[in-house]
Amino acid sequence: MPAIQLTIAQRKEHRAEAHHLKPVVMIGNDGLTPAVKKETDAALNAHGLIKVRVQGDDRDAREAMYQQLADELGAAPIQHIGKLLVLWRPRPPKVKTVDEDRMAGPRDVKVLKYSKMAGQRPEVKTLRVLGNQRLTPGGQVKRAKPPRQKSIKKGRQT
């Protein structure tokens, strides 16, 4: 996968975003191992913009690692300062899973409470009703009780 090519303005924008970030991946003395590549790929999927710290002192080796990571992971090289490398790759869209067994979530319900004195406006209250609750005709929130199961023995006795 070739590295993503960005314009100077786009790289400048990503450099500004990466300024406050801390390194997420550390490359030790062993260099660019498959485990480091896998971890860098996972970090790019999760964050999109990451910093990588290289422990080695050889500048040429760091530059080679920088280009190799960008090429193999399909990321854009943003910045290389000292022992820090900044890479960017657009995050993949999240896939929403639909759960068929999911129950209803909380909902907000407006309740009008009329005054006993004539001529006054009704009081409007907003109540949050959870999935296991119901609203009574009097405007109170009560827990919905599941129907009780009768045992087989008790059913036969009557």
N, C-alpha and C. Protein backbone atom coordinates (compact mmCIF):
# COMPACT_ATOMS: atom_id res chain seq x y z
N MET A 1 0.84 -1.18 0.00
CA MET A 1 0.00 0.00 0.00
C MET A 1 0.89 1.25 0.00
N PRO A 2 0.76 2.12 -0.98
CA PRO A 2 1.59 3.32 -0.97
C PRO A 2 1.10 4.33 0.07
N ALA A 3 2.01 5.19 0.49
CA ALA A 3 1.67 6.21 1.49
C ALA A 3 0.71 7.23 0.89
N ILE A 4 -0.12 7.82 1.72
CA ILE A 4 -1.07 8.85 1.30
C ILE A 4 -0.30 10.14 1.06
N GLN A 5 -0.59 10.81 -0.04
CA GLN A 5 0.05 12.08 -0.34
C GLN A 5 -0.87 13.22 0.08
N LEU A 6 -0.36 14.12 0.89
CA LEU A 6 -1.13 15.27 1.37
C LEU A 6 -0.51 16.57 0.88
N THR A 7 -1.31 17.60 0.82
CA THR A 7 -0.79 18.92 0.47
C THR A 7 -0.07 19.51 1.69
N ILE A 8 0.67 20.56 1.45
CA ILE A 8 1.42 21.20 2.54
C ILE A 8 0.45 21.74 3.59
N ALA A 9 -0.67 22.31 3.15
CA ALA A 9 -1.64 22.87 4.10
C ALA A 9 -2.26 21.76 4.96
N GLN A 10 -2.55 20.60 4.36
CA GLN A 10 -3.12 19.49 5.13
C GLN A 10 -2.11 18.97 6.15
N ARG A 11 -0.84 18.83 5.74
CA ARG A 11 0.19 18.37 6.67
C ARG A 11 0.35 19.36 7.82
N LYS A 12 0.28 20.65 7.51
CA LYS A 12 0.41 21.69 8.54
C LYS A 12 -0.73 21.58 9.55
N GLU A 13 -1.93 21.33 9.06
CA GLU A 13 -3.09 21.19 9.94
C GLU A 13 -2.95 19.97 10.86
N HIS A 14 -2.48 18.84 10.30
CA HIS A 14 -2.29 17.63 11.11
C HIS A 14 -1.15 17.79 12.10
N ARG A 15 -0.11 18.54 11.74
CA ARG A 15 0.99 18.80 12.68
C ARG A 15 0.47 19.58 13.89
N ALA A 16 -0.41 20.55 13.63
CA ALA A 16 -0.98 21.34 14.72
C ALA A 16 -1.84 20.46 15.63
N GLU A 17 -2.61 19.54 15.04
CA GLU A 17 -3.44 18.63 15.85
C GLU A 17 -2.58 17.68 16.67
N ALA A 18 -1.43 17.27 16.14
CA ALA A 18 -0.59 16.28 16.81
C ALA A 18 0.31 16.89 17.88
N HIS A 19 0.35 18.21 17.96
CA HIS A 19 1.28 18.87 18.89
C HIS A 19 1.10 18.40 20.33
N HIS A 20 -0.14 18.28 20.79
CA HIS A 20 -0.37 17.95 22.20
C HIS A 20 -0.42 16.44 22.45
N LEU A 21 -0.32 15.61 21.42
CA LEU A 21 -0.41 14.16 21.61
C LEU A 21 0.84 13.59 22.25
N LYS A 22 0.66 12.49 22.95
CA LYS A 22 1.78 11.75 23.51
C LYS A 22 2.03 10.53 22.62
N PRO A 23 3.26 9.99 22.59
CA PRO A 23 3.53 8.82 21.76
C PRO A 23 2.68 7.62 22.18
N VAL A 24 2.10 6.95 21.19
CA VAL A 24 1.24 5.80 21.45
C VAL A 24 2.02 4.51 21.25
N VAL A 25 2.96 4.52 20.32
CA VAL A 25 3.75 3.32 19.98
C VAL A 25 5.22 3.64 20.22
N MET A 26 5.93 2.68 20.81
CA MET A 26 7.37 2.82 21.04
C MET A 26 8.10 1.75 20.24
N ILE A 27 9.12 2.17 19.51
CA ILE A 27 9.95 1.23 18.75
C ILE A 27 11.26 1.09 19.51
N GLY A 28 11.55 -0.12 19.98
CA GLY A 28 12.73 -0.37 20.78
C GLY A 28 13.97 -0.62 19.94
N ASN A 29 14.98 -1.24 20.56
CA ASN A 29 16.25 -1.50 19.89
C ASN A 29 16.14 -2.59 18.83
N ASP A 30 15.09 -3.40 18.88
CA ASP A 30 14.92 -4.46 17.88
C ASP A 30 14.49 -3.90 16.53
N GLY A 31 14.04 -2.68 16.51
CA GLY A 31 13.66 -2.06 15.25
C GLY A 31 12.19 -2.30 14.92
N LEU A 32 11.92 -2.33 13.64
CA LEU A 32 10.55 -2.44 13.15
C LEU A 32 10.17 -3.91 13.04
N THR A 33 9.61 -4.47 14.10
CA THR A 33 9.20 -5.88 14.11
C THR A 33 7.74 -5.98 13.66
N PRO A 34 7.28 -7.19 13.32
CA PRO A 34 5.87 -7.35 12.93
C PRO A 34 4.90 -6.93 14.05
N ALA A 35 5.30 -7.13 15.30
CA ALA A 35 4.44 -6.74 16.43
C ALA A 35 4.29 -5.21 16.47
N VAL A 36 5.37 -4.49 16.18
CA VAL A 36 5.31 -3.03 16.18
C VAL A 36 4.42 -2.55 15.04
N LYS A 37 4.52 -3.18 13.88
CA LYS A 37 3.68 -2.81 12.74
C LYS A 37 2.20 -3.06 13.05
N LYS A 38 1.94 -4.19 13.69
CA LYS A 38 0.55 -4.54 14.03
C LYS A 38 -0.01 -3.53 15.03
N GLU A 39 0.78 -3.16 16.02
CA GLU A 39 0.34 -2.20 17.05
C GLU A 39 0.14 -0.81 16.45
N THR A 40 1.01 -0.43 15.53
CA THR A 40 0.88 0.86 14.86
C THR A 40 -0.38 0.89 14.01
N ASP A 41 -0.67 -0.22 13.32
CA ASP A 41 -1.88 -0.31 12.50
C ASP A 41 -3.13 -0.20 13.38
N ALA A 42 -3.12 -0.88 14.52
CA ALA A 42 -4.27 -0.81 15.44
C ALA A 42 -4.45 0.61 15.99
N ALA A 43 -3.34 1.28 16.30
CA ALA A 43 -3.41 2.66 16.82
C ALA A 43 -3.94 3.62 15.75
N LEU A 44 -3.52 3.41 14.49
CA LEU A 44 -4.03 4.26 13.41
C LEU A 44 -5.52 4.04 13.19
N ASN A 45 -5.97 2.79 13.32
CA ASN A 45 -7.41 2.51 13.19
C ASN A 45 -8.20 3.16 14.31
N ALA A 46 -7.63 3.17 15.51
CA ALA A 46 -8.34 3.71 16.67
C ALA A 46 -8.30 5.23 16.72
N HIS A 47 -7.15 5.82 16.42
CA HIS A 47 -6.97 7.26 16.63
C HIS A 47 -6.87 8.07 15.35
N GLY A 48 -6.33 7.50 14.31
CA GLY A 48 -6.17 8.24 13.06
C GLY A 48 -4.86 9.00 12.99
N LEU A 49 -4.53 9.77 14.00
CA LEU A 49 -3.31 10.57 14.05
C LEU A 49 -2.52 10.13 15.28
N ILE A 50 -1.30 9.63 15.08
CA ILE A 50 -0.53 9.10 16.21
C ILE A 50 0.91 9.60 16.16
N LYS A 51 1.54 9.52 17.34
CA LYS A 51 2.97 9.77 17.45
C LYS A 51 3.64 8.44 17.78
N VAL A 52 4.82 8.23 17.20
CA VAL A 52 5.61 7.02 17.44
C VAL A 52 6.98 7.47 17.93
N ARG A 53 7.45 6.88 19.03
CA ARG A 53 8.79 7.21 19.55
C ARG A 53 9.74 6.08 19.19
N VAL A 54 10.91 6.46 18.64
CA VAL A 54 11.94 5.50 18.26
C VAL A 54 13.10 5.64 19.25
N GLN A 55 13.56 4.51 19.80
CA GLN A 55 14.62 4.55 20.82
C GLN A 55 16.02 4.63 20.23
N GLY A 56 16.22 4.21 18.98
CA GLY A 56 17.55 4.19 18.37
C GLY A 56 18.12 5.57 18.14
N ASP A 57 19.47 5.66 18.05
CA ASP A 57 20.14 6.94 17.86
C ASP A 57 20.46 7.23 16.39
N ASP A 58 20.36 6.25 15.51
CA ASP A 58 20.73 6.41 14.11
C ASP A 58 19.61 7.12 13.34
N ARG A 59 19.91 8.34 12.84
CA ARG A 59 18.90 9.14 12.15
C ARG A 59 18.46 8.50 10.84
N ASP A 60 19.41 7.92 10.11
CA ASP A 60 19.06 7.29 8.83
C ASP A 60 18.14 6.09 9.05
N ALA A 61 18.39 5.33 10.11
CA ALA A 61 17.52 4.18 10.41
C ALA A 61 16.12 4.65 10.80
N ARG A 62 16.04 5.75 11.56
CA ARG A 62 14.72 6.29 11.92
C ARG A 62 13.97 6.76 10.68
N GLU A 63 14.66 7.42 9.77
CA GLU A 63 14.04 7.89 8.53
C GLU A 63 13.54 6.72 7.69
N ALA A 64 14.32 5.63 7.65
CA ALA A 64 13.91 4.44 6.90
C ALA A 64 12.67 3.80 7.54
N MET A 65 12.65 3.73 8.88
CA MET A 65 11.48 3.18 9.59
C MET A 65 10.25 4.03 9.31
N TYR A 66 10.45 5.34 9.31
CA TYR A 66 9.35 6.29 9.08
C TYR A 66 8.71 6.05 7.70
N GLN A 67 9.55 5.95 6.68
CA GLN A 67 9.04 5.73 5.33
C GLN A 67 8.45 4.33 5.18
N GLN A 68 9.07 3.35 5.80
CA GLN A 68 8.57 1.96 5.71
C GLN A 68 7.21 1.83 6.39
N LEU A 69 7.04 2.45 7.56
CA LEU A 69 5.73 2.42 8.24
C LEU A 69 4.66 3.10 7.39
N ALA A 70 4.99 4.24 6.83
CA ALA A 70 4.02 4.97 6.01
C ALA A 70 3.62 4.17 4.78
N ASP A 71 4.60 3.53 4.12
CA ASP A 71 4.30 2.75 2.91
C ASP A 71 3.51 1.48 3.21
N GLU A 72 3.93 0.73 4.22
CA GLU A 72 3.30 -0.56 4.49
C GLU A 72 1.90 -0.42 5.10
N LEU A 73 1.67 0.64 5.88
CA LEU A 73 0.37 0.80 6.54
C LEU A 73 -0.56 1.73 5.78
N GLY A 74 -0.10 2.31 4.68
CA GLY A 74 -0.94 3.20 3.90
C GLY A 74 -1.27 4.48 4.66
N ALA A 75 -0.29 5.00 5.37
CA ALA A 75 -0.49 6.22 6.17
C ALA A 75 0.27 7.37 5.53
N ALA A 76 -0.07 8.57 5.94
CA ALA A 76 0.61 9.76 5.44
C ALA A 76 1.68 10.17 6.45
N PRO A 77 2.95 10.33 6.00
CA PRO A 77 3.97 10.83 6.92
C PRO A 77 3.76 12.33 7.14
N ILE A 78 3.56 12.71 8.40
CA ILE A 78 3.26 14.11 8.72
C ILE A 78 4.51 14.85 9.16
N GLN A 79 5.26 14.27 10.13
CA GLN A 79 6.39 15.00 10.70
C GLN A 79 7.39 14.02 11.29
N HIS A 80 8.68 14.39 11.21
CA HIS A 80 9.75 13.60 11.82
C HIS A 80 10.68 14.59 12.51
N ILE A 81 10.57 14.67 13.82
CA ILE A 81 11.43 15.55 14.60
C ILE A 81 12.14 14.71 15.65
N GLY A 82 13.45 14.67 15.57
CA GLY A 82 14.22 13.91 16.54
C GLY A 82 13.82 12.45 16.53
N LYS A 83 13.39 11.96 17.68
CA LYS A 83 13.00 10.55 17.80
C LYS A 83 11.49 10.36 17.71
N LEU A 84 10.75 11.41 17.36
CA LEU A 84 9.30 11.32 17.24
C LEU A 84 8.87 11.31 15.78
N LEU A 85 7.98 10.37 15.46
CA LEU A 85 7.41 10.27 14.12
C LEU A 85 5.91 10.49 14.25
N VAL A 86 5.33 11.27 13.34
CA VAL A 86 3.89 11.51 13.36
C VAL A 86 3.31 10.94 12.07
N LEU A 87 2.30 10.06 12.22
CA LEU A 87 1.63 9.42 11.08
C LEU A 87 0.14 9.71 11.15
N TRP A 88 -0.48 9.78 9.97
CA TRP A 88 -1.94 10.00 9.90
C TRP A 88 -2.53 9.09 8.85
N ARG A 89 -3.69 8.56 9.16
CA ARG A 89 -4.48 7.79 8.21
C ARG A 89 -5.93 8.01 8.56
N PRO A 90 -6.82 8.23 7.58
CA PRO A 90 -8.23 8.44 7.92
C PRO A 90 -8.80 7.20 8.60
N ARG A 91 -9.58 7.44 9.64
CA ARG A 91 -10.18 6.32 10.38
C ARG A 91 -11.28 5.66 9.56
N PRO A 92 -11.37 4.34 9.60
CA PRO A 92 -12.46 3.67 8.88
C PRO A 92 -13.78 3.95 9.58
N PRO A 93 -14.88 4.01 8.82
CA PRO A 93 -16.18 4.26 9.47
C PRO A 93 -16.57 3.10 10.37
N LYS A 94 -17.19 3.43 11.50
CA LYS A 94 -17.61 2.39 12.44
C LYS A 94 -18.85 1.68 11.91
N VAL A 95 -18.90 0.39 12.13
CA VAL A 95 -20.04 -0.41 11.69
C VAL A 95 -20.98 -0.55 12.87
N LYS A 96 -22.24 -0.12 12.68
CA LYS A 96 -23.24 -0.25 13.73
C LYS A 96 -23.90 -1.61 13.62
N THR A 97 -23.96 -2.31 14.74
CA THR A 97 -24.63 -3.60 14.75
C THR A 97 -26.03 -3.41 15.33
N VAL A 98 -26.98 -4.05 14.71
CA VAL A 98 -28.36 -3.95 15.16
C VAL A 98 -28.64 -5.14 16.06
N ASP A 99 -29.04 -4.87 17.28
CA ASP A 99 -29.34 -5.93 18.24
C ASP A 99 -30.85 -6.09 18.31
N GLU A 100 -31.32 -7.25 17.91
CA GLU A 100 -32.77 -7.50 17.87
C GLU A 100 -33.38 -7.60 19.27
N ASP A 101 -32.60 -8.04 20.25
CA ASP A 101 -33.12 -8.26 21.60
C ASP A 101 -33.09 -6.99 22.45
N ARG A 102 -32.68 -5.89 21.89
CA ARG A 102 -32.53 -4.66 22.67
C ARG A 102 -33.90 -4.11 23.06
N MET A 103 -33.98 -3.68 24.28
CA MET A 103 -35.23 -3.11 24.81
C MET A 103 -35.25 -1.60 24.57
N ALA A 104 -36.40 -0.99 24.82
CA ALA A 104 -36.55 0.45 24.63
C ALA A 104 -35.71 1.21 25.64
N GLY A 105 -35.18 2.33 25.22
CA GLY A 105 -34.34 3.16 26.08
C GLY A 105 -35.17 4.19 26.81
N PRO A 106 -34.52 5.09 27.53
CA PRO A 106 -35.26 6.12 28.26
C PRO A 106 -35.91 7.11 27.31
N ARG A 107 -37.04 7.66 27.72
CA ARG A 107 -37.73 8.67 26.92
C ARG A 107 -38.25 9.74 27.86
N ASP A 108 -38.32 10.97 27.36
CA ASP A 108 -38.81 12.10 28.14
C ASP A 108 -40.28 12.32 27.81
N VAL A 109 -41.10 12.43 28.86
CA VAL A 109 -42.54 12.58 28.69
C VAL A 109 -42.97 13.85 29.43
N LYS A 110 -43.82 14.65 28.78
CA LYS A 110 -44.36 15.85 29.45
C LYS A 110 -45.69 15.49 30.10
N VAL A 111 -45.84 15.88 31.35
CA VAL A 111 -47.05 15.59 32.11
C VAL A 111 -47.67 16.93 32.53
N LEU A 112 -48.99 17.09 32.30
CA LEU A 112 -49.70 18.29 32.73
C LEU A 112 -50.37 17.98 34.07
N LYS A 113 -50.15 18.81 35.05
CA LYS A 113 -50.77 18.65 36.36
C LYS A 113 -51.67 19.87 36.57
N TYR A 114 -52.97 19.60 36.59
CA TYR A 114 -53.94 20.69 36.71
C TYR A 114 -54.09 21.10 38.18
N SER A 115 -54.29 22.39 38.40
CA SER A 115 -54.45 22.93 39.74
C SER A 115 -55.90 22.76 40.19
N LYS A 116 -56.11 22.65 41.50
CA LYS A 116 -57.47 22.53 42.04
C LYS A 116 -58.19 23.87 41.99
N MET A 117 -57.41 24.95 41.96
CA MET A 117 -58.02 26.28 41.91
C MET A 117 -58.33 26.62 40.45
N ALA A 118 -59.49 27.13 40.21
CA ALA A 118 -59.91 27.46 38.86
C ALA A 118 -59.14 28.66 38.34
N GLY A 119 -58.90 28.68 37.05
CA GLY A 119 -58.28 29.84 36.43
C GLY A 119 -56.77 29.82 36.42
N GLN A 120 -56.12 28.83 37.04
CA GLN A 120 -54.67 28.77 37.03
C GLN A 120 -54.18 27.83 35.93
N ARG A 121 -53.01 28.15 35.43
CA ARG A 121 -52.44 27.32 34.36
C ARG A 121 -52.00 25.98 34.92
N PRO A 122 -52.07 24.95 34.09
CA PRO A 122 -51.56 23.65 34.55
C PRO A 122 -50.04 23.66 34.62
N GLU A 123 -49.51 22.91 35.54
CA GLU A 123 -48.06 22.82 35.71
C GLU A 123 -47.54 21.75 34.75
N VAL A 124 -46.50 22.09 33.99
CA VAL A 124 -45.91 21.16 33.02
C VAL A 124 -44.64 20.58 33.64
N LYS A 125 -44.57 19.25 33.73
CA LYS A 125 -43.40 18.58 34.27
C LYS A 125 -42.86 17.65 33.18
N THR A 126 -41.56 17.59 33.04
CA THR A 126 -40.94 16.65 32.11
C THR A 126 -40.32 15.53 32.94
N LEU A 127 -40.78 14.31 32.69
CA LEU A 127 -40.30 13.15 33.42
C LEU A 127 -39.54 12.23 32.48
N ARG A 128 -38.51 11.60 32.99
CA ARG A 128 -37.77 10.60 32.21
C ARG A 128 -38.29 9.22 32.60
N VAL A 129 -38.79 8.52 31.62
CA VAL A 129 -39.33 7.18 31.84
C VAL A 129 -38.35 6.19 31.23
N LEU A 130 -37.83 5.30 32.06
CA LEU A 130 -36.87 4.30 31.60
C LEU A 130 -37.59 3.14 30.93
N GLY A 131 -36.81 2.23 30.36
CA GLY A 131 -37.39 1.12 29.62
C GLY A 131 -38.24 0.19 30.46
N ASN A 132 -37.94 0.06 31.76
CA ASN A 132 -38.70 -0.86 32.60
C ASN A 132 -39.75 -0.12 33.45
N GLN A 133 -40.14 1.08 33.04
CA GLN A 133 -41.09 1.87 33.81
C GLN A 133 -42.29 2.22 32.93
N ARG A 134 -43.37 2.63 33.60
CA ARG A 134 -44.56 3.06 32.87
C ARG A 134 -45.12 4.29 33.56
N LEU A 135 -45.96 5.01 32.85
CA LEU A 135 -46.58 6.22 33.37
C LEU A 135 -48.04 5.93 33.66
N THR A 136 -48.47 6.18 34.89
CA THR A 136 -49.86 5.92 35.27
C THR A 136 -50.74 7.07 34.79
N PRO A 137 -52.09 6.86 34.73
CA PRO A 137 -52.98 7.96 34.33
C PRO A 137 -52.89 9.16 35.28
N GLY A 138 -52.47 8.97 36.52
CA GLY A 138 -52.33 10.07 37.47
C GLY A 138 -51.04 10.85 37.28
N GLY A 139 -50.15 10.41 36.38
CA GLY A 139 -48.91 11.14 36.12
C GLY A 139 -47.74 10.67 36.96
N GLN A 140 -47.82 9.47 37.54
CA GLN A 140 -46.73 8.95 38.34
C GLN A 140 -45.97 7.89 37.53
N VAL A 141 -44.68 7.78 37.83
CA VAL A 141 -43.84 6.79 37.16
C VAL A 141 -43.76 5.56 38.06
N LYS A 142 -44.11 4.39 37.50
CA LYS A 142 -44.05 3.14 38.25
C LYS A 142 -43.26 2.12 37.46
N ARG A 143 -42.63 1.20 38.21
CA ARG A 143 -41.89 0.13 37.57
C ARG A 143 -42.86 -0.88 36.97
N ALA A 144 -42.56 -1.31 35.80
CA ALA A 144 -43.38 -2.35 35.18
C ALA A 144 -42.91 -3.69 35.74
N LYS A 145 -43.83 -4.46 36.26
CA LYS A 145 -43.47 -5.74 36.84
C LYS A 145 -43.74 -6.83 35.81
N PRO A 146 -42.76 -7.71 35.63
CA PRO A 146 -43.00 -8.80 34.69
C PRO A 146 -44.02 -9.78 35.28
N PRO A 147 -44.79 -10.46 34.42
CA PRO A 147 -45.75 -11.43 34.95
C PRO A 147 -45.03 -12.57 35.65
N ARG A 148 -45.55 -12.96 36.82
CA ARG A 148 -44.93 -14.03 37.60
C ARG A 148 -45.24 -15.37 36.98
N GLN A 149 -44.26 -16.21 36.94
CA GLN A 149 -44.45 -17.54 36.40
C GLN A 149 -44.89 -18.46 37.54
N LYS A 150 -45.89 -19.24 37.27
CA LYS A 150 -46.35 -20.20 38.26
C LYS A 150 -45.63 -21.52 38.03
N SER A 151 -45.32 -22.16 39.13
CA SER A 151 -44.66 -23.45 39.00
C SER A 151 -45.67 -24.51 38.57
N ILE A 152 -45.18 -25.59 38.05
CA ILE A 152 -46.05 -26.67 37.58
C ILE A 152 -46.79 -27.31 38.74
N LYS A 153 -46.11 -27.49 39.88
CA LYS A 153 -46.73 -28.11 41.05
C LYS A 153 -47.89 -27.29 41.56
N LYS A 154 -47.70 -25.95 41.67
CA LYS A 154 -48.76 -25.08 42.18
C LYS A 154 -49.94 -25.05 41.23
N GLY A 155 -49.69 -25.16 39.95
CA GLY A 155 -50.79 -25.17 38.97
C GLY A 155 -51.64 -26.41 39.09
N ARG A 156 -51.08 -27.52 39.49
CA ARG A 156 -51.81 -28.78 39.60
C ARG A 156 -52.62 -28.86 40.90
N GLN A 157 -52.19 -28.14 41.95
CA GLN A 157 -52.87 -28.22 43.24
C GLN A 157 -54.26 -27.62 43.20
N THR A 158 -54.50 -26.62 42.43
CA THR A 158 -55.82 -25.96 42.43
C THR A 158 -56.79 -26.56 41.49
